[in-house]
N, C-alpha and C. Protein backbone atom coordinates (compact mmCIF):
# COMPACT_ATOMS: atom_id res chain seq x y z
N MET A 1 -21.44 6.49 -6.16
CA MET A 1 -22.65 7.26 -6.39
C MET A 1 -22.36 8.54 -7.17
N ASN A 2 -21.25 9.17 -6.92
CA ASN A 2 -20.93 10.42 -7.59
C ASN A 2 -19.98 10.10 -8.75
N ASN A 3 -20.52 10.06 -9.95
CA ASN A 3 -19.74 9.71 -11.13
C ASN A 3 -19.19 10.92 -11.87
N ARG A 4 -19.42 12.12 -11.33
CA ARG A 4 -18.92 13.32 -11.99
C ARG A 4 -17.43 13.49 -11.73
N PRO A 5 -16.72 14.00 -12.72
CA PRO A 5 -15.29 14.27 -12.49
C PRO A 5 -15.14 15.48 -11.57
N PRO A 6 -14.03 15.59 -10.87
CA PRO A 6 -13.84 16.76 -9.99
C PRO A 6 -13.79 18.05 -10.81
N MET A 7 -14.23 19.12 -10.17
CA MET A 7 -14.24 20.42 -10.85
C MET A 7 -12.84 21.01 -10.91
N THR A 8 -12.60 21.78 -11.94
CA THR A 8 -11.34 22.49 -12.05
C THR A 8 -11.38 23.70 -11.11
N PRO A 9 -10.24 24.26 -10.76
CA PRO A 9 -10.24 25.47 -9.91
C PRO A 9 -11.05 26.62 -10.52
N GLU A 10 -11.05 26.73 -11.84
CA GLU A 10 -11.83 27.80 -12.49
C GLU A 10 -13.33 27.59 -12.27
N GLN A 11 -13.77 26.33 -12.40
CA GLN A 11 -15.18 26.04 -12.17
C GLN A 11 -15.55 26.26 -10.70
N GLU A 12 -14.69 25.86 -9.78
CA GLU A 12 -14.96 26.08 -8.36
C GLU A 12 -15.09 27.56 -8.07
N TRP A 13 -14.21 28.38 -8.63
CA TRP A 13 -14.25 29.83 -8.39
C TRP A 13 -15.54 30.43 -8.97
N LYS A 14 -15.95 29.95 -10.15
CA LYS A 14 -17.17 30.48 -10.77
C LYS A 14 -18.38 30.25 -9.87
N TYR A 15 -18.51 29.06 -9.34
CA TYR A 15 -19.66 28.77 -8.47
C TYR A 15 -19.55 29.46 -7.12
N ALA A 16 -18.36 29.56 -6.59
CA ALA A 16 -18.16 30.25 -5.32
C ALA A 16 -18.47 31.74 -5.46
N GLU A 17 -18.04 32.34 -6.55
CA GLU A 17 -18.30 33.77 -6.76
C GLU A 17 -19.79 34.03 -6.91
N THR A 18 -20.50 33.16 -7.60
CA THR A 18 -21.95 33.30 -7.75
C THR A 18 -22.64 33.20 -6.40
N ALA A 19 -22.22 32.27 -5.58
CA ALA A 19 -22.83 32.11 -4.25
C ALA A 19 -22.55 33.32 -3.37
N LEU A 20 -21.35 33.87 -3.45
CA LEU A 20 -20.99 35.01 -2.61
C LEU A 20 -21.75 36.28 -2.98
N ARG A 21 -22.15 36.41 -4.22
CA ARG A 21 -22.89 37.61 -4.63
C ARG A 21 -24.24 37.73 -3.95
N TRP A 22 -24.85 36.63 -3.58
CA TRP A 22 -26.22 36.65 -3.06
C TRP A 22 -26.29 36.45 -1.56
N HIS A 23 -25.16 36.51 -0.86
CA HIS A 23 -25.16 36.36 0.59
C HIS A 23 -24.52 37.58 1.22
N GLY A 24 -24.92 37.88 2.43
CA GLY A 24 -24.31 38.96 3.17
C GLY A 24 -24.99 40.29 2.89
N TRP A 25 -24.36 41.37 3.37
CA TRP A 25 -24.96 42.70 3.26
C TRP A 25 -24.82 43.28 1.86
N GLY A 26 -24.01 42.70 1.01
CA GLY A 26 -23.85 43.20 -0.34
C GLY A 26 -24.94 42.73 -1.28
N SER A 27 -25.73 41.77 -0.85
CA SER A 27 -26.79 41.25 -1.72
C SER A 27 -27.97 42.21 -1.72
N PRO A 28 -28.82 42.14 -2.73
CA PRO A 28 -30.01 43.01 -2.75
C PRO A 28 -30.90 42.80 -1.53
N VAL A 29 -31.05 41.58 -1.08
CA VAL A 29 -31.90 41.30 0.08
C VAL A 29 -31.25 41.82 1.34
N GLY A 30 -29.96 41.60 1.50
CA GLY A 30 -29.26 42.07 2.69
C GLY A 30 -29.23 43.58 2.77
N MET A 31 -29.01 44.24 1.66
CA MET A 31 -28.98 45.70 1.64
C MET A 31 -30.36 46.27 1.99
N ARG A 32 -31.39 45.68 1.44
CA ARG A 32 -32.76 46.14 1.73
C ARG A 32 -33.07 45.94 3.21
N LEU A 33 -32.70 44.80 3.77
CA LEU A 33 -32.93 44.53 5.18
C LEU A 33 -32.16 45.53 6.05
N GLY A 34 -30.94 45.83 5.66
CA GLY A 34 -30.15 46.80 6.40
C GLY A 34 -30.77 48.19 6.38
N LEU A 35 -31.29 48.61 5.24
CA LEU A 35 -31.93 49.93 5.16
C LEU A 35 -33.22 49.98 5.97
N VAL A 36 -33.97 48.91 5.97
CA VAL A 36 -35.20 48.87 6.77
C VAL A 36 -34.85 48.95 8.25
N CYS A 37 -33.84 48.23 8.68
CA CYS A 37 -33.41 48.27 10.08
C CYS A 37 -32.90 49.65 10.47
N LEU A 38 -32.18 50.28 9.58
CA LEU A 38 -31.68 51.64 9.83
C LEU A 38 -32.84 52.63 9.98
N GLY A 39 -33.83 52.52 9.10
CA GLY A 39 -35.00 53.39 9.19
C GLY A 39 -35.79 53.16 10.47
N LEU A 40 -35.95 51.91 10.85
CA LEU A 40 -36.67 51.59 12.08
C LEU A 40 -35.93 52.13 13.29
N ALA A 41 -34.62 52.02 13.28
CA ALA A 41 -33.83 52.56 14.39
C ALA A 41 -33.98 54.07 14.48
N ALA A 42 -34.00 54.75 13.34
CA ALA A 42 -34.17 56.21 13.34
C ALA A 42 -35.54 56.60 13.90
N VAL A 43 -36.57 55.88 13.54
CA VAL A 43 -37.92 56.17 14.07
C VAL A 43 -37.95 55.93 15.58
N LEU A 44 -37.35 54.86 16.04
CA LEU A 44 -37.35 54.57 17.48
C LEU A 44 -36.56 55.61 18.26
N VAL A 45 -35.45 56.09 17.71
CA VAL A 45 -34.68 57.15 18.39
C VAL A 45 -35.50 58.43 18.44
N ARG A 46 -36.20 58.76 17.35
CA ARG A 46 -37.03 59.96 17.35
C ARG A 46 -38.13 59.86 18.38
N LEU A 47 -38.78 58.70 18.47
CA LEU A 47 -39.83 58.52 19.48
C LEU A 47 -39.28 58.60 20.90
N ALA A 48 -38.08 58.07 21.10
CA ALA A 48 -37.48 58.12 22.44
C ALA A 48 -37.11 59.55 22.84
N LEU A 49 -36.70 60.35 21.88
CA LEU A 49 -36.26 61.72 22.19
C LEU A 49 -37.43 62.70 22.26
N PHE A 50 -38.37 62.61 21.36
CA PHE A 50 -39.42 63.62 21.25
C PHE A 50 -40.79 63.15 21.67
N GLY A 51 -40.99 61.90 21.89
CA GLY A 51 -42.30 61.39 22.28
C GLY A 51 -43.14 61.06 21.06
N PHE A 52 -44.32 60.55 21.32
CA PHE A 52 -45.16 60.04 20.25
C PHE A 52 -45.93 61.13 19.51
N LEU A 53 -46.44 62.14 20.21
CA LEU A 53 -47.31 63.13 19.58
C LEU A 53 -46.64 64.44 19.26
N ARG A 54 -45.40 64.60 19.50
CA ARG A 54 -44.74 65.88 19.25
C ARG A 54 -44.36 66.06 17.83
């Protein structure tokens, strides 16, 4: 079923590097999610320390 020749190590590295750029905390989506979580944690700590209306 798979009639393609095997990839060379250079081709494997090219595709692996591309996949690694878009996963984890270094990706644009991961970084944005991390910043949103950090902001939410800061708001929750402020509410816990000072209350809602202060």
